[in-house]
């Protein structure tokens, strides 16, 4: 090698982190990463709240927040300070220890889940080479599912400790929703694990160097996007927030800072789920194909943080768009979608992907395998649609006890007595002229 070549600076090369790169950082660097992730999540929550209110305002031909700070950017901070300074009301009969711990159990796991999200490659921080990720594990994706399960305890305990029937029923419904959609979400990860050969988030990103998994595993991506909305309690699956449109569900009895922690957990989960979707299906911190092919240094240095943030906020915009577009579904529709559609579909897709991978390893023709798999999937889809059509939606028919074929349901069926609407005293007929309703202008009251 010539002296000039030896003295020439090396070009930046994209360094993919591996599991061996974690655990050797100094304590101050690990602490700095934790503080940076915490600050990032808090700022992301404030920006998401502002972005959501501004975008929905534009969709509904309103202005949105525009008073606190330039363009209303400080509105989320003002709302947080207002909630923290409001009077903290604790009902008399509650279990105070559990009542206080429940919001903490909902918010803390949301922060922990983001620790395994890779935000960039290996970079130099004050002379130390370190990945832009707090930590990684051989089963890192399972940590997110475990933390989501811990968050369910916060919901259940909030409803139970409030000593209120509204809160208890709301907590049970919310936990049933989260658990149901968490199962389908976990099933959508299996195909990704089979293609990447690992559950480590850094190795999953490295496996998408040539092609993103959203192209190879589009059905898994669609299932994950649907379960994201059910897991984060967002429209059209925000049943915990719209508990009968009268109370607040599991956090009915909460106020002040404890009430704010539930919403903090919701928005942090929104950011974590968006970042996880970016990591598993959209190549993580890698630049899109046009940029990465034209620019050789797009996936090195600190530039990948920009691509990562762009993908995350693209998902957040998708969430906001759905909130401004779709109505809230019924609870039975919510549970039917999770148990009768998403879970069976995910199991069938996993079997199909595993079969294709096994046949490819045996040396079979991939084109022929894909054609046969597509025909089999189409046949199953047609049979399912025909079954639902000829079945006639019997699940949605209300069965009234004691009512035969063609018989009308009894007025008091279900325990709610219904007055006969054709009675004369309700219609103001001759037999009930004395019992007709008095016109409003003739009603007098003893007090004004």
Protein backbone atom coordinates (compact mmCIF):
# COMPACT_ATOMS: atom_id res chain seq x y z
CA UNK A 1 0.00 0.00 0.00
CA UNK A 2 1.36 3.43 -0.93
CA UNK A 3 1.92 6.07 1.78
CA UNK A 4 -0.72 8.29 0.15
CA UNK A 5 -3.28 5.51 0.25
CA UNK A 6 -2.44 4.76 3.87
CA UNK A 7 -2.81 8.41 4.86
CA UNK A 8 -6.11 8.89 3.00
CA UNK A 9 -9.18 9.07 5.27
CA UNK A 10 -11.49 6.12 5.12
CA UNK A 11 -14.96 6.59 3.68
CA UNK A 12 -17.85 6.19 6.12
CA UNK A 13 -19.15 2.65 6.14
CA UNK A 14 -22.54 1.67 7.51
CA UNK A 15 -21.98 -0.36 10.66
CA UNK A 16 -24.85 -2.65 11.60
CA UNK A 17 -24.93 -3.23 15.37
CA UNK A 18 -24.92 -6.81 16.64
CA UNK A 19 -25.70 -8.30 20.03
CA UNK A 20 -21.99 -8.30 20.89
CA UNK A 21 -21.91 -4.49 20.65
CA UNK A 22 -24.14 -4.05 23.70
CA UNK A 23 -23.08 -4.19 27.34
CA UNK A 24 -19.64 -2.64 26.94
CA UNK A 25 -20.56 1.06 27.08
CA UNK A 26 -19.39 3.18 30.05
CA UNK A 27 -21.96 4.07 32.70
CA UNK A 28 -22.22 7.71 31.65
CA UNK A 29 -23.00 6.74 28.06
CA UNK A 30 -25.73 4.31 29.15
CA UNK A 31 -27.23 6.98 31.40
CA UNK A 32 -27.08 9.49 28.56
CA UNK A 33 -28.95 7.09 26.27
CA UNK A 34 -31.67 6.56 28.85
CA UNK A 35 -32.09 10.31 29.41
CA UNK A 36 -32.12 10.92 25.65
CA UNK A 37 -34.84 8.28 25.10
CA UNK A 38 -36.90 9.71 27.97
CA UNK A 39 -36.61 13.25 26.60
CA UNK A 40 -37.39 12.02 23.09
CA UNK A 41 -40.58 10.30 24.25
CA UNK A 42 -41.77 13.32 26.23
CA UNK A 43 -41.16 15.68 23.31
CA UNK A 44 -42.77 13.17 20.92
CA UNK A 45 -45.90 13.10 23.13
CA UNK A 46 -46.13 16.90 23.09
CA UNK A 47 -45.59 17.04 19.33
CA UNK A 48 -48.08 14.23 18.70
CA UNK A 49 -50.77 16.00 20.72
CA UNK A 50 -50.18 19.23 18.81
CA UNK A 51 -50.03 17.47 15.44
CA UNK A 52 -53.20 15.52 16.16
CA UNK A 53 -55.23 18.55 17.16
CA UNK A 54 -53.98 20.66 14.26
CA UNK A 55 -54.57 17.94 11.66
CA UNK A 56 -58.04 17.05 12.90
CA UNK A 57 -58.82 20.75 13.04
CA UNK A 58 -57.88 21.09 9.38
CA UNK A 59 -59.92 18.00 8.50
CA UNK A 60 -62.96 19.48 10.28
CA UNK A 61 -62.42 23.01 8.89
CA UNK A 62 -61.28 24.37 12.26
CA UNK A 63 -58.15 26.22 13.29
CA UNK A 64 -56.97 24.05 16.17
CA UNK A 65 -54.62 25.24 18.93
CA UNK A 66 -52.95 28.51 17.94
CA UNK A 67 -52.62 30.55 21.15
CA UNK A 68 -50.01 28.91 23.38
CA UNK A 69 -46.69 29.55 21.67
CA UNK A 70 -46.00 29.96 17.95
CA UNK A 71 -48.62 28.02 15.96
CA UNK A 72 -49.89 26.59 19.25
CA UNK A 73 -46.77 24.42 19.72
CA UNK A 74 -46.84 24.85 23.51
CA UNK A 75 -50.47 23.83 23.90
CA UNK A 76 -49.60 20.28 25.02
CA UNK A 77 -47.15 21.63 27.60
CA UNK A 78 -49.80 24.05 28.88
CA UNK A 79 -52.33 21.21 29.19
CA UNK A 80 -49.81 19.08 31.11
CA UNK A 81 -49.05 21.89 33.56
CA UNK A 82 -52.76 22.55 34.01
CA UNK A 83 -53.47 18.88 34.78
CA UNK A 84 -50.55 18.67 37.21
CA UNK A 85 -51.75 21.73 39.15
CA UNK A 86 -55.41 20.72 39.34
CA UNK A 87 -56.86 19.44 42.61
CA UNK A 88 -56.23 15.73 43.11
CA UNK A 89 -59.54 14.20 44.21
CA UNK A 90 -59.38 10.71 45.74
CA UNK A 91 -62.73 9.02 46.50
CA UNK A 92 -63.28 7.93 50.07
CA UNK A 93 -63.76 4.18 49.53
CA UNK A 94 -60.83 3.46 47.20
CA UNK A 95 -57.82 1.29 47.93
CA UNK A 96 -55.35 4.18 48.03
CA UNK A 97 -52.14 2.19 47.51
CA UNK A 98 -53.39 0.40 44.40
CA UNK A 99 -55.25 3.53 43.27
CA UNK A 100 -51.96 5.48 43.17
CA UNK A 101 -49.83 2.65 41.71
CA UNK A 102 -52.19 1.88 38.80
CA UNK A 103 -51.27 4.96 36.67
CA UNK A 104 -47.59 4.26 37.34
CA UNK A 105 -47.97 0.65 36.18
CA UNK A 106 -49.60 1.92 32.98
CA UNK A 107 -46.95 4.57 32.20
CA UNK A 108 -43.63 2.98 33.23
CA UNK A 109 -43.83 -0.10 30.91
CA UNK A 110 -44.51 2.24 28.00
CA UNK A 111 -41.14 3.94 28.63
CA UNK A 112 -39.27 0.64 29.04
CA UNK A 113 -40.52 -0.76 25.73
CA UNK A 114 -38.65 1.88 23.74
CA UNK A 115 -35.27 0.76 25.11
CA UNK A 116 -34.93 -1.99 22.48
CA UNK A 117 -35.82 0.20 19.47
CA UNK A 118 -32.79 0.85 17.20
CA UNK A 119 -32.74 4.47 16.06
CA UNK A 120 -29.52 4.32 14.04
CA UNK A 121 -26.28 2.41 13.34
CA UNK A 122 -23.07 2.48 15.34
CA UNK A 123 -21.79 6.05 15.75
CA UNK A 124 -19.04 7.82 17.63
CA UNK A 125 -20.09 9.63 20.84
CA UNK A 126 -17.17 11.47 22.49
CA UNK A 127 -14.73 8.96 21.03
CA UNK A 128 -16.75 5.85 21.97
CA UNK A 129 -18.30 3.66 19.27
CA UNK A 130 -21.83 2.82 20.37
CA UNK A 131 -25.11 1.81 18.69
CA UNK A 132 -27.96 4.32 18.71
CA UNK A 133 -30.00 1.97 20.89
CA UNK A 134 -30.20 1.62 24.66
CA UNK A 135 -29.94 -2.18 24.68
CA UNK A 136 -30.77 -5.30 22.71
CA UNK A 137 -31.68 -8.86 23.63
CA UNK A 138 -31.95 -12.17 21.78
CA UNK A 139 -35.70 -11.93 22.47
CA UNK A 140 -36.03 -8.14 22.32
CA UNK A 141 -39.41 -8.06 20.55
CA UNK A 142 -40.91 -10.22 23.31
CA UNK A 143 -39.95 -7.48 25.77
CA UNK A 144 -42.45 -5.16 24.07
CA UNK A 145 -45.20 -7.77 24.43
CA UNK A 146 -44.26 -8.34 28.06
CA UNK A 147 -44.42 -4.62 28.83
CA UNK A 148 -47.79 -4.36 27.07
CA UNK A 149 -49.03 -7.16 29.34
CA UNK A 150 -47.78 -5.24 32.36
CA UNK A 151 -49.70 -2.19 31.19
CA UNK A 152 -52.90 -4.26 31.30
CA UNK A 153 -52.41 -4.67 35.05
CA UNK A 154 -52.51 -0.88 35.40
CA UNK A 155 -55.86 -0.78 33.60
CA UNK A 156 -57.41 -3.62 35.62
CA UNK A 157 -56.13 -2.34 38.97
CA UNK A 158 -57.33 1.19 38.20
CA UNK A 159 -60.85 -0.09 37.65
CA UNK A 160 -60.80 -2.46 40.64
CA UNK A 161 -59.32 -0.02 43.16
CA UNK A 162 -61.79 2.75 42.30
CA UNK A 163 -64.64 0.86 44.03
CA UNK A 164 -67.01 1.99 41.29
CA UNK A 165 -69.07 -0.29 39.02
CA UNK A 166 -68.39 1.99 36.04
CA UNK A 167 -64.63 1.82 36.56
CA UNK A 168 -64.62 -1.93 37.24
CA UNK A 169 -66.60 -2.80 34.12
CA UNK A 170 -64.54 -0.36 32.06
CA UNK A 171 -61.31 -1.91 33.31
CA UNK A 172 -62.49 -5.42 32.45
CA UNK A 173 -63.58 -4.39 28.96
CA UNK A 174 -60.35 -2.50 28.33
CA UNK A 175 -58.18 -5.38 29.50
CA UNK A 176 -60.17 -7.86 27.39
CA UNK A 177 -59.63 -5.66 24.33
CA UNK A 178 -55.89 -5.22 24.89
CA UNK A 179 -55.31 -8.92 25.58
CA UNK A 180 -57.33 -10.01 22.53
CA UNK A 181 -55.46 -7.77 20.12
CA UNK A 182 -52.10 -8.48 21.74
CA UNK A 183 -52.48 -12.15 20.76
CA UNK A 184 -53.09 -11.26 17.11
CA UNK A 185 -50.17 -8.80 17.25
CA UNK A 186 -47.82 -11.48 18.55
CA UNK A 187 -48.93 -13.82 15.76
CA UNK A 188 -48.11 -11.15 13.17
CA UNK A 189 -44.50 -11.15 14.45
CA UNK A 190 -43.91 -14.85 13.80
CA UNK A 191 -43.44 -14.50 10.04
CA UNK A 192 -40.91 -11.71 10.65
CA UNK A 193 -38.97 -13.96 13.04
CA UNK A 194 -38.89 -16.75 10.44
CA UNK A 195 -37.52 -14.46 7.72
CA UNK A 196 -35.03 -12.64 9.95
CA UNK A 197 -33.94 -15.75 11.86
CA UNK A 198 -33.84 -13.77 15.10
CA UNK A 199 -35.97 -11.88 17.63
CA UNK A 200 -33.31 -9.23 18.14
CA UNK A 201 -34.39 -5.84 16.79
CA UNK A 202 -30.92 -4.92 15.55
CA UNK A 203 -30.63 -8.19 13.61
CA UNK A 204 -34.14 -7.76 12.18
CA UNK A 205 -33.11 -4.36 10.82
CA UNK A 206 -29.92 -5.90 9.40
CA UNK A 207 -31.99 -8.60 7.65
CA UNK A 208 -33.86 -5.86 5.75
CA UNK A 209 -30.76 -4.48 4.07
CA UNK A 210 -31.84 -5.65 0.60
CA UNK A 211 -35.65 -5.63 0.88
CA UNK A 212 -38.06 -4.45 3.54
CA UNK A 213 -40.37 -7.00 5.13
CA UNK A 214 -43.43 -4.90 4.28
CA UNK A 215 -43.01 -6.15 0.69
CA UNK A 216 -42.40 -9.79 1.60
CA UNK A 217 -44.86 -10.03 4.49
CA UNK A 218 -47.65 -7.64 3.53
CA UNK A 219 -50.42 -9.68 5.28
CA UNK A 220 -48.47 -9.61 8.56
CA UNK A 221 -48.05 -5.86 8.18
CA UNK A 222 -51.81 -5.35 7.65
CA UNK A 223 -52.63 -7.46 10.72
CA UNK A 224 -50.10 -5.52 12.79
CA UNK A 225 -51.51 -2.14 11.72
CA UNK A 226 -55.03 -3.21 12.74
CA UNK A 227 -53.86 -4.58 16.07
CA UNK A 228 -51.90 -1.38 16.70
CA UNK A 229 -55.17 0.53 16.91
CA UNK A 230 -56.72 -2.05 19.23
CA UNK A 231 -53.63 -2.19 21.44
CA UNK A 232 -53.38 1.61 21.79
CA UNK A 233 -57.14 2.17 22.35
CA UNK A 234 -57.40 4.50 19.39
CA UNK A 235 -60.32 5.12 17.04
CA UNK A 236 -62.03 3.05 15.71
CA UNK A 237 -61.23 0.87 18.74
CA UNK A 238 -61.32 3.47 21.52
CA UNK A 239 -64.03 1.70 23.53
CA UNK A 240 -62.28 2.39 26.89
CA UNK A 241 -62.49 6.14 26.31
CA UNK A 242 -66.07 6.10 25.01
CA UNK A 243 -67.59 3.97 27.76
CA UNK A 244 -71.25 4.47 26.91
CA UNK A 245 -70.42 8.10 26.05
CA UNK A 246 -71.19 8.99 29.69
CA UNK A 247 -68.17 8.08 31.83
CA UNK A 248 -64.47 7.60 31.27
CA UNK A 249 -64.23 3.85 31.69
CA UNK A 250 -61.47 2.56 33.94
CA UNK A 251 -60.18 6.08 34.79
CA UNK A 252 -63.55 7.57 35.74
CA UNK A 253 -62.47 8.34 39.32
CA UNK A 254 -59.03 9.74 38.41
CA UNK A 255 -58.05 13.39 38.23
CA UNK A 256 -55.04 15.69 38.14
CA UNK A 257 -51.61 14.15 37.54
CA UNK A 258 -52.77 10.53 37.85
CA UNK A 259 -55.33 11.14 35.12
CA UNK A 260 -52.62 12.70 32.94
CA UNK A 261 -50.39 9.63 33.35
CA UNK A 262 -52.95 7.41 31.64
CA UNK A 263 -52.95 9.67 28.60
CA UNK A 264 -49.16 9.91 28.75
CA UNK A 265 -49.04 6.10 28.59
CA UNK A 266 -51.45 6.09 25.64
CA UNK A 267 -49.38 8.50 23.56
CA UNK A 268 -46.09 6.82 24.47
CA UNK A 269 -47.59 3.49 23.39
CA UNK A 270 -48.54 5.19 20.15
CA UNK A 271 -44.92 6.22 19.56
CA UNK A 272 -43.58 2.80 20.63
CA UNK A 273 -45.95 0.87 18.37
CA UNK A 274 -45.08 3.16 15.44
CA UNK A 275 -41.36 2.68 16.09
CA UNK A 276 -41.83 -1.09 16.35
CA UNK A 277 -43.69 -1.14 13.02
CA UNK A 278 -40.83 0.84 11.49
CA UNK A 279 -38.28 -1.62 12.90
CA UNK A 280 -40.05 -4.83 11.90
CA UNK A 281 -41.51 -3.94 8.50
CA UNK A 282 -40.05 -0.68 7.13
CA UNK A 283 -36.34 -1.36 7.40
CA UNK A 284 -35.84 0.45 10.71
CA UNK A 285 -33.40 3.33 10.39
CA UNK A 286 -32.43 2.49 6.81
CA UNK A 287 -33.11 5.06 4.09
CA UNK A 288 -35.73 4.37 1.41
CA UNK A 289 -34.57 2.76 -1.82
CA UNK A 290 -34.22 5.88 -4.01
CA UNK A 291 -32.09 7.66 -1.41
CA UNK A 292 -29.95 4.68 -0.41
CA UNK A 293 -29.13 3.79 -4.05
CA UNK A 294 -28.16 7.32 -5.04
CA UNK A 295 -26.37 8.36 -1.85
CA UNK A 296 -23.79 5.91 -0.50
CA UNK A 297 -23.60 7.52 2.95
CA UNK A 298 -27.34 7.64 3.60
CA UNK A 299 -27.18 4.73 6.06
CA UNK A 300 -24.12 5.84 8.01
CA UNK A 301 -23.48 8.41 10.70
CA UNK A 302 -26.39 10.34 12.20
CA UNK A 303 -28.46 10.54 9.01
CA UNK A 304 -30.39 7.30 9.73
CA UNK A 305 -32.00 9.03 12.73
CA UNK A 306 -33.76 11.32 10.24
CA UNK A 307 -35.15 8.40 8.22
CA UNK A 308 -36.27 6.69 11.42
CA UNK A 309 -38.14 9.77 12.67
CA UNK A 310 -39.76 10.31 9.27
CA UNK A 311 -41.17 6.76 9.27
CA UNK A 312 -42.37 7.01 12.88
CA UNK A 313 -44.22 10.27 12.31
CA UNK A 314 -45.68 8.87 9.10
CA UNK A 315 -47.31 6.15 11.20
CA UNK A 316 -48.48 8.74 13.74
CA UNK A 317 -50.07 10.73 10.91
CA UNK A 318 -51.83 7.52 9.84
CA UNK A 319 -53.27 7.15 13.35
CA UNK A 320 -54.50 10.76 13.33
CA UNK A 321 -55.98 10.34 9.86
CA UNK A 322 -57.99 7.33 11.02
CA UNK A 323 -59.23 9.22 14.07
CA UNK A 324 -60.56 12.01 11.89
CA UNK A 325 -62.14 9.58 9.41
CA UNK A 326 -63.59 6.44 10.99
CA UNK A 327 -66.42 6.08 13.53
CA UNK A 328 -66.24 4.00 16.69
CA UNK A 329 -67.22 0.34 16.31
CA UNK A 330 -69.44 -1.66 18.63
CA UNK A 331 -67.80 -3.83 21.26
CA UNK A 332 -69.10 -7.07 19.76
CA UNK A 333 -67.69 -6.04 16.37
CA UNK A 334 -64.37 -5.27 18.03
CA UNK A 335 -64.08 -8.67 19.68
CA UNK A 336 -65.37 -10.54 16.63
CA UNK A 337 -62.69 -8.93 14.46
CA UNK A 338 -59.96 -9.89 16.91
CA UNK A 339 -60.98 -13.48 17.67
CA UNK A 340 -62.78 -14.62 14.52
CA UNK A 341 -60.85 -12.78 11.80
CA UNK A 342 -57.37 -11.66 12.79
CA UNK A 343 -56.30 -14.68 14.84
CA UNK A 344 -57.44 -17.40 12.37
CA UNK A 345 -56.00 -15.41 9.47
CA UNK A 346 -52.67 -14.97 11.27
CA UNK A 347 -52.45 -18.68 12.06
CA UNK A 348 -53.19 -19.62 8.44
CA UNK A 349 -50.63 -17.10 7.18
CA UNK A 350 -47.97 -18.48 9.54
CA UNK A 351 -48.59 -22.01 8.28
CA UNK A 352 -48.38 -20.79 4.68
CA UNK A 353 -45.12 -18.91 5.24
CA UNK A 354 -43.57 -21.84 7.12
CA UNK A 355 -44.56 -24.23 4.31
CA UNK A 356 -43.09 -21.97 1.62
CA UNK A 357 -39.84 -21.58 3.57
CA UNK A 358 -39.56 -25.34 4.08
CA UNK A 359 -40.23 -26.10 0.40
CA UNK A 360 -37.70 -23.48 -0.70
CA UNK A 361 -35.08 -25.04 1.55
CA UNK A 362 -35.77 -28.39 -0.14
CA UNK A 363 -35.02 -26.86 -3.54
CA UNK A 364 -38.52 -26.61 -5.04
CA UNK A 365 -39.42 -24.04 -7.70
CA UNK A 366 -40.44 -20.86 -5.87
CA UNK A 367 -42.60 -19.52 -8.71
CA UNK A 368 -44.73 -22.66 -8.73
CA UNK A 369 -45.00 -22.60 -4.94
CA UNK A 370 -46.20 -18.98 -4.94
CA UNK A 371 -48.83 -19.70 -7.60
CA UNK A 372 -50.22 -22.69 -5.69
CA UNK A 373 -50.23 -20.69 -2.43
CA UNK A 374 -52.08 -17.80 -4.09
CA UNK A 375 -54.71 -20.17 -5.52
CA UNK A 376 -55.16 -21.86 -2.13
CA UNK A 377 -55.55 -18.50 -0.38
CA UNK A 378 -58.11 -17.36 -2.98
CA UNK A 379 -60.12 -20.58 -2.53
CA UNK A 380 -60.16 -20.17 1.25
CA UNK A 381 -61.25 -16.55 0.89
CA UNK A 382 -64.09 -17.41 -1.50
CA UNK A 383 -65.31 -20.26 0.71
CA UNK A 384 -65.28 -17.97 3.74
CA UNK A 385 -67.28 -15.26 1.96
CA UNK A 386 -69.83 -17.79 0.67
CA UNK A 387 -70.17 -19.27 4.16
CA UNK A 388 -70.95 -15.87 5.63
CA UNK A 389 -73.44 -15.09 2.84
CA UNK A 390 -75.43 -18.34 3.13
CA UNK A 391 -75.19 -18.35 6.90
CA UNK A 392 -77.05 -15.05 6.97
CA UNK A 393 -75.26 -13.46 9.90
CA UNK A 394 -76.90 -15.64 12.56
CA UNK A 395 -74.53 -14.30 15.21
CA UNK A 396 -76.17 -10.88 15.01
CA UNK A 397 -79.74 -12.17 15.35
CA UNK A 398 -81.13 -11.52 18.80
CA UNK A 399 -82.61 -14.64 20.38
CA UNK A 400 -85.61 -13.83 22.56
CA UNK A 401 -86.55 -16.51 25.10
CA UNK A 402 -90.02 -17.91 24.51
CA UNK A 403 -90.37 -16.46 21.02
CA UNK A 404 -91.00 -18.92 18.18
CA UNK A 405 -90.56 -18.55 14.45
CA UNK A 406 -92.19 -15.37 13.23
CA UNK A 407 -93.27 -14.36 16.73
CA UNK A 408 -92.65 -10.81 17.85
CA UNK A 409 -90.54 -10.35 20.98
CA UNK A 410 -92.30 -9.63 24.21
CA UNK A 411 -92.38 -5.95 25.25
CA UNK A 412 -90.53 -6.73 28.50
CA UNK A 413 -87.89 -9.03 26.95
CA UNK A 414 -84.51 -8.44 28.54
CA UNK A 415 -85.91 -6.94 31.73
CA UNK A 416 -86.81 -3.51 30.28
CA UNK A 417 -90.60 -2.99 30.24
CA UNK A 418 -91.80 -1.20 27.12
CA UNK A 419 -95.15 0.62 27.32
CA UNK A 420 -97.68 -0.18 24.58
CA UNK A 421 -97.27 2.67 22.12
CA UNK A 422 -100.78 2.23 20.68
CA UNK A 423 -102.54 2.92 24.00
CA UNK A 424 -105.08 5.78 23.80
CA UNK A 425 -103.61 7.75 26.70
CA UNK A 426 -100.23 7.89 24.89
CA UNK A 427 -101.72 8.97 21.59
CA UNK A 428 -104.13 11.48 23.09
CA UNK A 429 -107.24 9.58 21.92
CA UNK A 430 -110.78 9.99 23.27
CA UNK A 431 -110.35 7.35 25.99
CA UNK A 432 -107.27 9.05 27.36
CA UNK A 433 -108.03 12.70 26.74
CA UNK A 434 -107.59 13.51 30.41
CA UNK A 435 -104.11 11.92 30.45
CA UNK A 436 -102.60 13.70 27.46
CA UNK A 437 -99.39 15.61 27.94
CA UNK A 438 -99.79 19.24 28.92
CA UNK A 439 -98.36 21.70 26.36
CA UNK A 440 -95.11 23.33 27.50
CA UNK A 441 -96.58 26.83 27.56
CA UNK A 442 -99.22 25.72 30.10
CA UNK A 443 -96.74 24.20 32.56
CA UNK A 444 -96.15 26.31 35.63
CA UNK A 445 -93.61 25.84 38.36
CA UNK A 446 -93.55 26.93 41.95
CA UNK A 447 -89.94 28.18 41.68
CA UNK A 448 -88.18 30.13 38.95
